[in-house]
Amino acid sequence: MNDISKLAGQTVIYGFGTVVPRFLNYALLTPFYTRILGLEQYGVVTELYAWMVLALVILTYGMETTYFRFAGKKANAEVVYGTAMISLFTTSAMFIMAVSMFITPISGFLGYAENPEYIRMFAWIVAIDAFSAIPFAWLRNNNRAALFSALKIINVIVTIVLAFFFLKIAPSVAEKGNRWIYKVWSPDFQVGYVFVANLAGSAITLLCLTPFIFRMKPVFDRRLLRKMLAYSWPLLVGGMAGSLNEVLDKILLRRLIGGAEGLATVGLYGAGYKVGVLMSLFIQMYRFAAEPFFFDKAGSKDAKETYAITMKYFVITAVILFLGINLYPEIVSIIIGENFRESMNVVPIISMGYLLLGIYINQSIWYKVDDKTIYGVWITLVGVAVTVGVNLVFVPLYGYIAAAWAHVACYLSMVIVSYFVGQKYYPIEYEKGRIVMYIALALAMLFISMMLSGDNKIVNAVIDTMLLLVFFAVAEYRDKYFTILFKKGS
């Protein structure tokens, strides 16, 4: 139980590096963009960031997890660090050169032939972020969570400040007749400034990481790299497949619907999706803390017991967040502009999908610690097949709501397959009945909330809060959730 308390503490610390920046994004940038940009313009942002997720997975090719695995042997930790750094620097530089050389066909393929500058900035953002992955991994591996968090926050603050300047302040200055602003700003480049701000944030973060990039003499070991790549390539394929599960809907929506309407639908769906992925904030900060924790625990006698207990308390926490997001729709809808709020109907679906993803992330430890990462690839490809099938068959019939359900179907299939395969090779006695009970209880409470919802928002809030408190009471009574979570100890 001390391990659970320790993991909870690390999760909170890493939360400052994941939740705080993304909270600033949700609290400032998403409301700002959905009030400044139109549906089609926000569709551009949504789609290109979807492509960015895929490109980042390719350019990091599983090296973060591989670094944790190989750096665990303290004797060659510096060689592992140097080898990974040089490898990522080389591939990132090659990516920028390739995009620069073939900018015209790449821009045309992505549907931005008239705006190749978007793709150039896209390439630099991805390359910088990919190269920065290993210095950030070093900070995590050496328990520098506070610094990790500070640098992530700096990145977002720079992005927010520049986005506000270019999209709000600069137009206001120009309207007042101050001609000097045109030296640094153009009224015709509106959506492009979203990427300018992001690029600046990534560049300044890289600059801040410089002391850790040059903290040691870079040592490159070709034989070690071959071993690392042998371990990481299944992670790359699995990561690519996982990213497709996350972003393929945004890419397909535009093409399945077509034209300006397709791009506008992507923008509308992307706004609702942003609210739903509030759940992913917790998933991400948990993963940052849990991955090194799980590897460190792998060699102990009680590792499997720890993994089982961790799963249960993770599910309870994730379900509480699920209820917090979905019991108070009037509050969370403030995140997006009024023109986008019809997409709030996807929020419960998307947040449930991310809850299932979190369960899968917990399960995935079996093939990572047992060096069977190839199974991660096959399991994730099952999810991709489900994602593609649901989108192709149902999006033309039901629109973006089908894209949301594709996430639930995808991650549920991955959880089921991972569980049965994992029990064969690395059996863990999860408390399945208790886990299903908590999820079913949350869904029942959400249904009750919807049935009792009326015109009086105060009464609605009181009812929803009572439901949430009932869940708290059940979690404490059945599993001493709050007692263990806030237990003092190492």
Foldseek 3Di string as FASTA:
>chain_A
DLLLQVLLVLLVLLLLQQVVLVVCCLQFVQAVCQVQDALLLLLVVQQLVLVLLLLLLLLLLQLLLLLLVVCVPVVCNQQSLLASLVSSLVSLVVQLVVCVVPLQVVCVVLPNNVCSVLVNLSSLLSSLVSSCSSLLSVCLLVVVSNVSSVLSNQLSVQLSVQLCCQRPVLVVCVVVPPVVSVVPHDPVCNSVSNSVSNSVSSVVSSVVSVCSSVVDDRHHDPVVVVVSSVLRNLVSLLSSLLSCLVRVLSSVQCVLVHDSVSSSLSSLLSSLLSLQCSLVSSLVSSLSSVSSSLLVLVPDPCSLVVLQVSLLLLLLVLLLVLLVSLLCVVVSLSSHDPVNSVNNVLNNLSSLLVSLVSSLSSLVSLCSNVSNSNVSNVLSVQLSVLLVVQCVPPCVPPNCSSNSNSSNVSSVSSNVVSQVVSCVRPNHDHPVVSSVVLNVLSVVLSVVLVVPDDDDVVVSVVSSVVSSVVSVVVCCVPPVNVCVNNPDDD
